[in-house]
Amino acid sequence: MKAHIEFYFDFVCPLCFLATKPLREVMKEQKAEIEWKPFDLCPEPAQQMEQIEDVLERPWNQSIAPLAQQLHVEINIPDMPPVPRTHLAHEGFHFAKKHGQESAYVDAVFKAYWEDEKDISQTEVSRNR
């Protein structure tokens, strides 16, 4: 029987992004299957977070950057105020899932935000993943 992993994530969460690498390794080693569970960290009408650097400066330096280095994962603090809303990226996820492409979509959107510093709240960014 295959192990089943439910992974709750939002594309603007750096720890979610970092967790995908060891998660994929476990999936491969254990022949586990993953069920992606997107959720919105800051749904409307909640106030939109300011620039992510303002929110994460201390945890970034103390935890996130060292963890990324340990995992050999490239990650950048996106330089775009405010932190993008992820509702449209989540809609794109559900479309990708309908077509059996959810894992590839998750990887592409995480990369777009955390490596390429793209604004994933923009339809053209999420759609082109």
N, C-alpha and C. Protein backbone atom coordinates (compact mmCIF):
# COMPACT_ATOMS: atom_id res chain seq x y z
N MET A 1 0.83 -1.18 0.00
CA MET A 1 0.00 0.00 0.00
C MET A 1 0.88 1.25 0.00
N LYS A 2 0.60 2.15 -0.93
CA LYS A 2 1.36 3.40 -1.02
C LYS A 2 1.01 4.32 0.14
N ALA A 3 2.03 5.02 0.61
CA ALA A 3 1.79 6.05 1.61
C ALA A 3 1.10 7.23 0.93
N HIS A 4 0.24 7.88 1.67
CA HIS A 4 -0.50 9.04 1.15
C HIS A 4 -0.13 10.25 1.99
N ILE A 5 0.32 11.32 1.33
CA ILE A 5 0.72 12.53 2.02
C ILE A 5 -0.19 13.67 1.58
N GLU A 6 -0.78 14.35 2.54
CA GLU A 6 -1.54 15.57 2.25
C GLU A 6 -0.63 16.74 2.60
N PHE A 7 -0.38 17.60 1.63
CA PHE A 7 0.52 18.73 1.82
C PHE A 7 -0.24 20.02 1.63
N TYR A 8 -0.43 20.75 2.72
CA TYR A 8 -1.11 22.04 2.70
C TYR A 8 -0.07 23.12 2.45
N PHE A 9 -0.37 24.04 1.53
CA PHE A 9 0.62 25.02 1.14
C PHE A 9 -0.03 26.29 0.61
N ASP A 10 0.74 27.36 0.64
CA ASP A 10 0.42 28.56 -0.13
C ASP A 10 1.71 28.94 -0.85
N PHE A 11 1.56 29.43 -2.05
CA PHE A 11 2.73 29.73 -2.88
C PHE A 11 3.62 30.82 -2.29
N VAL A 12 3.10 31.69 -1.43
CA VAL A 12 3.92 32.75 -0.85
C VAL A 12 4.55 32.36 0.48
N CYS A 13 4.43 31.10 0.87
CA CYS A 13 5.03 30.61 2.11
C CYS A 13 6.40 30.01 1.80
N PRO A 14 7.48 30.63 2.29
CA PRO A 14 8.81 30.12 1.97
C PRO A 14 9.06 28.72 2.53
N LEU A 15 8.50 28.41 3.68
CA LEU A 15 8.71 27.08 4.25
C LEU A 15 7.99 26.01 3.43
N CYS A 16 6.85 26.36 2.87
CA CYS A 16 6.15 25.42 1.97
C CYS A 16 7.02 25.14 0.75
N PHE A 17 7.59 26.21 0.19
CA PHE A 17 8.47 26.04 -0.97
C PHE A 17 9.66 25.16 -0.62
N LEU A 18 10.30 25.43 0.50
CA LEU A 18 11.48 24.64 0.89
C LEU A 18 11.11 23.19 1.17
N ALA A 19 9.93 22.96 1.69
CA ALA A 19 9.51 21.59 2.03
C ALA A 19 9.29 20.71 0.80
N THR A 20 9.08 21.32 -0.36
CA THR A 20 8.78 20.49 -1.54
C THR A 20 9.95 19.60 -1.95
N LYS A 21 11.18 20.05 -1.73
CA LYS A 21 12.34 19.22 -2.14
C LYS A 21 12.42 17.93 -1.30
N PRO A 22 12.48 18.00 0.03
CA PRO A 22 12.52 16.75 0.80
C PRO A 22 11.23 15.94 0.65
N LEU A 23 10.12 16.62 0.43
CA LEU A 23 8.85 15.91 0.22
C LEU A 23 8.94 15.05 -1.04
N ARG A 24 9.47 15.61 -2.09
CA ARG A 24 9.62 14.84 -3.34
C ARG A 24 10.59 13.66 -3.16
N GLU A 25 11.63 13.87 -2.35
CA GLU A 25 12.57 12.77 -2.10
C GLU A 25 11.88 11.63 -1.35
N VAL A 26 11.07 11.98 -0.36
CA VAL A 26 10.32 10.96 0.39
C VAL A 26 9.34 10.25 -0.54
N MET A 27 8.69 11.02 -1.38
CA MET A 27 7.74 10.41 -2.34
C MET A 27 8.44 9.38 -3.21
N LYS A 28 9.62 9.74 -3.68
CA LYS A 28 10.37 8.85 -4.56
C LYS A 28 10.85 7.60 -3.81
N GLU A 29 11.44 7.81 -2.63
CA GLU A 29 11.98 6.69 -1.85
C GLU A 29 10.89 5.74 -1.35
N GLN A 30 9.81 6.31 -0.88
CA GLN A 30 8.73 5.51 -0.28
C GLN A 30 7.62 5.17 -1.27
N LYS A 31 7.80 5.62 -2.51
CA LYS A 31 6.75 5.45 -3.51
C LYS A 31 5.41 5.96 -2.99
N ALA A 32 5.49 7.12 -2.35
CA ALA A 32 4.30 7.74 -1.77
C ALA A 32 3.61 8.61 -2.82
N GLU A 33 2.35 8.85 -2.61
CA GLU A 33 1.64 9.79 -3.47
C GLU A 33 1.28 11.01 -2.64
N ILE A 34 1.26 12.14 -3.30
CA ILE A 34 0.98 13.39 -2.60
C ILE A 34 -0.35 13.96 -3.07
N GLU A 35 -1.07 14.48 -2.13
CA GLU A 35 -2.29 15.22 -2.44
C GLU A 35 -2.02 16.67 -2.07
N TRP A 36 -1.93 17.51 -3.07
CA TRP A 36 -1.67 18.94 -2.86
C TRP A 36 -2.92 19.60 -2.34
N LYS A 37 -2.79 20.38 -1.27
CA LYS A 37 -3.93 21.05 -0.63
C LYS A 37 -3.63 22.54 -0.51
N PRO A 38 -3.93 23.32 -1.53
CA PRO A 38 -3.65 24.75 -1.46
C PRO A 38 -4.59 25.46 -0.49
N PHE A 39 -4.06 26.45 0.20
CA PHE A 39 -4.89 27.32 1.01
C PHE A 39 -4.31 28.72 0.93
N ASP A 40 -5.15 29.69 1.15
CA ASP A 40 -4.76 31.09 1.02
C ASP A 40 -4.36 31.63 2.39
N LEU A 41 -3.09 31.98 2.55
CA LEU A 41 -2.60 32.52 3.82
C LEU A 41 -3.24 33.86 4.18
N CYS A 42 -3.58 34.62 3.18
CA CYS A 42 -4.11 35.97 3.43
C CYS A 42 -5.29 36.22 2.48
N PRO A 43 -6.41 35.53 2.73
CA PRO A 43 -7.55 35.67 1.81
C PRO A 43 -8.19 37.06 1.92
N GLU A 44 -8.77 37.48 0.82
CA GLU A 44 -9.51 38.74 0.87
C GLU A 44 -10.73 38.53 1.74
N PRO A 45 -11.18 39.44 2.52
CA PRO A 45 -10.83 40.85 2.55
C PRO A 45 -9.75 41.18 3.57
N ALA A 46 -9.03 40.20 4.09
CA ALA A 46 -7.95 40.49 5.04
C ALA A 46 -6.97 41.47 4.43
N GLN A 47 -6.37 42.29 5.26
CA GLN A 47 -5.40 43.27 4.78
C GLN A 47 -4.24 42.54 4.11
N GLN A 48 -3.84 43.04 2.98
CA GLN A 48 -2.74 42.43 2.24
C GLN A 48 -1.44 42.68 2.98
N MET A 49 -0.58 41.66 3.03
CA MET A 49 0.71 41.82 3.69
C MET A 49 1.59 42.77 2.90
N GLU A 50 2.40 43.51 3.63
CA GLU A 50 3.35 44.41 2.97
C GLU A 50 4.43 43.56 2.32
N GLN A 51 5.48 44.19 1.88
CA GLN A 51 6.57 43.48 1.22
C GLN A 51 7.03 42.32 2.10
N ILE A 52 7.25 41.19 1.51
CA ILE A 52 7.59 39.98 2.26
C ILE A 52 8.86 40.17 3.07
N GLU A 53 9.77 41.00 2.58
CA GLU A 53 11.01 41.24 3.31
C GLU A 53 10.71 41.86 4.67
N ASP A 54 9.71 42.75 4.74
CA ASP A 54 9.35 43.37 6.01
C ASP A 54 8.81 42.35 7.00
N VAL A 55 8.07 41.37 6.50
CA VAL A 55 7.45 40.35 7.35
C VAL A 55 8.47 39.30 7.77
N LEU A 56 9.40 38.99 6.91
CA LEU A 56 10.28 37.83 7.11
C LEU A 56 11.74 38.14 7.41
N GLU A 57 12.11 39.39 7.55
CA GLU A 57 13.54 39.70 7.66
C GLU A 57 14.26 38.87 8.72
N ARG A 58 13.79 38.89 9.93
CA ARG A 58 14.45 38.14 11.01
C ARG A 58 14.35 36.63 10.80
N PRO A 59 13.12 36.07 10.59
CA PRO A 59 13.06 34.62 10.36
C PRO A 59 13.84 34.18 9.13
N TRP A 60 13.90 35.06 8.12
CA TRP A 60 14.65 34.72 6.91
C TRP A 60 16.12 34.48 7.25
N ASN A 61 16.70 35.41 7.96
CA ASN A 61 18.12 35.31 8.29
C ASN A 61 18.41 34.20 9.29
N GLN A 62 17.51 33.97 10.23
CA GLN A 62 17.75 32.99 11.28
C GLN A 62 17.35 31.56 10.89
N SER A 63 16.34 31.42 10.04
CA SER A 63 15.82 30.08 9.77
C SER A 63 15.74 29.72 8.29
N ILE A 64 15.11 30.58 7.52
CA ILE A 64 14.80 30.23 6.13
C ILE A 64 16.06 30.12 5.27
N ALA A 65 16.92 31.14 5.29
CA ALA A 65 18.14 31.10 4.48
C ALA A 65 19.05 29.94 4.87
N PRO A 66 19.28 29.69 6.18
CA PRO A 66 20.11 28.53 6.53
C PRO A 66 19.48 27.20 6.10
N LEU A 67 18.17 27.09 6.22
CA LEU A 67 17.49 25.85 5.80
C LEU A 67 17.61 25.67 4.28
N ALA A 68 17.44 26.74 3.53
CA ALA A 68 17.57 26.67 2.07
C ALA A 68 18.98 26.22 1.68
N GLN A 69 19.97 26.76 2.37
CA GLN A 69 21.35 26.39 2.09
C GLN A 69 21.58 24.91 2.41
N GLN A 70 21.05 24.46 3.53
CA GLN A 70 21.19 23.06 3.92
C GLN A 70 20.51 22.12 2.92
N LEU A 71 19.37 22.55 2.37
CA LEU A 71 18.63 21.73 1.42
C LEU A 71 19.11 21.91 -0.02
N HIS A 72 20.06 22.85 -0.23
CA HIS A 72 20.56 23.17 -1.57
C HIS A 72 19.42 23.63 -2.48
N VAL A 73 18.62 24.56 -1.96
CA VAL A 73 17.50 25.11 -2.70
C VAL A 73 17.74 26.59 -2.92
N GLU A 74 17.61 27.03 -4.17
CA GLU A 74 17.71 28.45 -4.47
C GLU A 74 16.41 29.13 -4.06
N ILE A 75 16.53 30.21 -3.30
CA ILE A 75 15.35 30.97 -2.89
C ILE A 75 15.76 32.42 -2.74
N ASN A 76 14.91 33.31 -3.22
CA ASN A 76 15.15 34.75 -3.13
C ASN A 76 13.97 35.40 -2.44
N ILE A 77 14.22 36.49 -1.75
CA ILE A 77 13.12 37.27 -1.22
C ILE A 77 12.59 38.11 -2.38
N PRO A 78 11.37 37.83 -2.83
CA PRO A 78 10.83 38.61 -3.95
C PRO A 78 10.74 40.09 -3.58
N ASP A 79 11.19 40.92 -4.48
CA ASP A 79 11.23 42.36 -4.25
C ASP A 79 10.01 43.00 -4.90
N MET A 80 8.84 42.79 -4.25
CA MET A 80 7.62 43.36 -4.79
C MET A 80 6.62 43.62 -3.68
N PRO A 81 6.36 44.87 -3.40
CA PRO A 81 5.31 45.15 -2.42
C PRO A 81 3.98 45.27 -3.14
N PRO A 82 2.91 44.90 -2.55
CA PRO A 82 2.80 44.04 -1.38
C PRO A 82 2.93 42.57 -1.79
N VAL A 83 2.88 41.67 -0.80
CA VAL A 83 2.93 40.23 -1.08
C VAL A 83 1.73 39.89 -1.96
N PRO A 84 1.93 39.20 -3.07
CA PRO A 84 0.83 38.94 -3.98
C PRO A 84 -0.27 38.06 -3.36
N ARG A 85 -1.48 38.35 -3.76
CA ARG A 85 -2.61 37.47 -3.42
C ARG A 85 -2.45 36.21 -4.26
N THR A 86 -2.85 35.08 -3.71
CA THR A 86 -2.62 33.82 -4.43
C THR A 86 -3.89 33.15 -4.94
N HIS A 87 -5.01 33.86 -4.85
CA HIS A 87 -6.28 33.27 -5.27
C HIS A 87 -6.23 32.78 -6.73
N LEU A 88 -5.74 33.61 -7.63
CA LEU A 88 -5.69 33.21 -9.04
C LEU A 88 -4.72 32.06 -9.27
N ALA A 89 -3.61 32.05 -8.55
CA ALA A 89 -2.66 30.93 -8.66
C ALA A 89 -3.32 29.63 -8.18
N HIS A 90 -4.17 29.74 -7.16
CA HIS A 90 -4.89 28.55 -6.68
C HIS A 90 -5.93 28.09 -7.69
N GLU A 91 -6.58 29.03 -8.35
CA GLU A 91 -7.52 28.65 -9.41
C GLU A 91 -6.77 27.91 -10.52
N GLY A 92 -5.59 28.42 -10.86
CA GLY A 92 -4.77 27.74 -11.87
C GLY A 92 -4.39 26.35 -11.43
N PHE A 93 -4.13 26.18 -10.12
CA PHE A 93 -3.81 24.86 -9.58
C PHE A 93 -4.97 23.90 -9.84
N HIS A 94 -6.19 24.33 -9.56
CA HIS A 94 -7.35 23.45 -9.73
C HIS A 94 -7.56 23.07 -11.20
N PHE A 95 -7.27 24.00 -12.09
CA PHE A 95 -7.33 23.69 -13.52
C PHE A 95 -6.26 22.65 -13.87
N ALA A 96 -5.04 22.86 -13.38
CA ALA A 96 -3.95 21.91 -13.65
C ALA A 96 -4.28 20.54 -13.07
N LYS A 97 -4.86 20.52 -11.89
CA LYS A 97 -5.22 19.25 -11.26
C LYS A 97 -6.25 18.49 -12.10
N LYS A 98 -7.19 19.22 -12.64
CA LYS A 98 -8.22 18.62 -13.49
C LYS A 98 -7.60 17.90 -14.68
N HIS A 99 -6.43 18.36 -15.08
CA HIS A 99 -5.74 17.80 -16.24
C HIS A 99 -4.52 16.96 -15.85
N GLY A 100 -4.43 16.58 -14.55
CA GLY A 100 -3.36 15.71 -14.10
C GLY A 100 -1.99 16.35 -14.05
N GLN A 101 -1.94 17.68 -13.96
CA GLN A 101 -0.66 18.40 -14.01
C GLN A 101 -0.39 19.19 -12.73
N GLU A 102 -1.03 18.81 -11.62
CA GLU A 102 -0.91 19.62 -10.42
C GLU A 102 0.52 19.71 -9.88
N SER A 103 1.26 18.62 -9.89
CA SER A 103 2.63 18.66 -9.36
C SER A 103 3.52 19.57 -10.19
N ALA A 104 3.42 19.48 -11.49
CA ALA A 104 4.22 20.34 -12.36
C ALA A 104 3.83 21.81 -12.17
N TYR A 105 2.55 22.06 -12.01
CA TYR A 105 2.07 23.42 -11.81
C TYR A 105 2.59 23.99 -10.50
N VAL A 106 2.50 23.21 -9.43
CA VAL A 106 2.99 23.65 -8.11
C VAL A 106 4.46 24.02 -8.21
N ASP A 107 5.26 23.16 -8.81
CA ASP A 107 6.69 23.44 -8.96
C ASP A 107 6.93 24.72 -9.75
N ALA A 108 6.19 24.89 -10.84
CA ALA A 108 6.39 26.05 -11.71
C ALA A 108 6.01 27.36 -11.01
N VAL A 109 4.92 27.36 -10.25
CA VAL A 109 4.50 28.59 -9.59
C VAL A 109 5.44 28.92 -8.43
N PHE A 110 5.82 27.91 -7.65
CA PHE A 110 6.80 28.16 -6.60
C PHE A 110 8.08 28.74 -7.19
N LYS A 111 8.56 28.17 -8.28
CA LYS A 111 9.79 28.65 -8.94
C LYS A 111 9.59 30.09 -9.42
N ALA A 112 8.45 30.35 -10.03
CA ALA A 112 8.18 31.70 -10.55
C ALA A 112 8.29 32.74 -9.43
N TYR A 113 7.76 32.42 -8.25
CA TYR A 113 7.75 33.38 -7.16
C TYR A 113 9.09 33.42 -6.42
N TRP A 114 9.56 32.27 -5.97
CA TRP A 114 10.72 32.23 -5.06
C TRP A 114 12.08 32.25 -5.76
N GLU A 115 12.13 31.89 -7.03
CA GLU A 115 13.40 31.93 -7.75
C GLU A 115 13.44 33.07 -8.77
N ASP A 116 12.34 33.21 -9.52
CA ASP A 116 12.32 34.20 -10.60
C ASP A 116 11.70 35.54 -10.19
N GLU A 117 11.17 35.61 -8.97
CA GLU A 117 10.58 36.82 -8.41
C GLU A 117 9.47 37.41 -9.28
N LYS A 118 8.60 36.56 -9.78
CA LYS A 118 7.46 36.97 -10.59
C LYS A 118 6.25 37.22 -9.69
N ASP A 119 5.39 38.12 -10.11
CA ASP A 119 4.17 38.42 -9.37
C ASP A 119 3.10 37.39 -9.74
N ILE A 120 2.95 36.38 -8.91
CA ILE A 120 2.03 35.27 -9.21
C ILE A 120 0.56 35.64 -9.04
N SER A 121 0.27 36.88 -8.66
CA SER A 121 -1.13 37.31 -8.61
C SER A 121 -1.60 37.74 -9.98
N GLN A 122 -0.68 37.86 -10.91
CA GLN A 122 -1.01 38.25 -12.27
C GLN A 122 -1.40 37.03 -13.09
N THR A 123 -2.52 37.09 -13.75
CA THR A 123 -3.05 35.96 -14.52
C THR A 123 -2.03 35.43 -15.52
N GLU A 124 -1.35 36.32 -16.23
CA GLU A 124 -0.42 35.86 -17.26
C GLU A 124 0.76 35.09 -16.68
N VAL A 125 1.14 35.37 -15.45
CA VAL A 125 2.24 34.63 -14.82
C VAL A 125 1.78 33.23 -14.44
N SER A 126 0.65 33.12 -13.74
CA SER A 126 0.14 31.82 -13.32
C SER A 126 -0.31 30.97 -14.49
N ARG A 127 -0.89 31.60 -15.50
CA ARG A 127 -1.38 30.86 -16.65
C ARG A 127 -0.24 30.25 -17.46
N ASN A 128 0.89 30.92 -17.50
CA ASN A 128 2.02 30.44 -18.32
C ASN A 128 2.85 29.38 -17.60
N ARG A 129 2.43 28.94 -16.49
CA ARG A 129 3.17 27.92 -15.76
C ARG A 129 2.76 26.60 -16.29
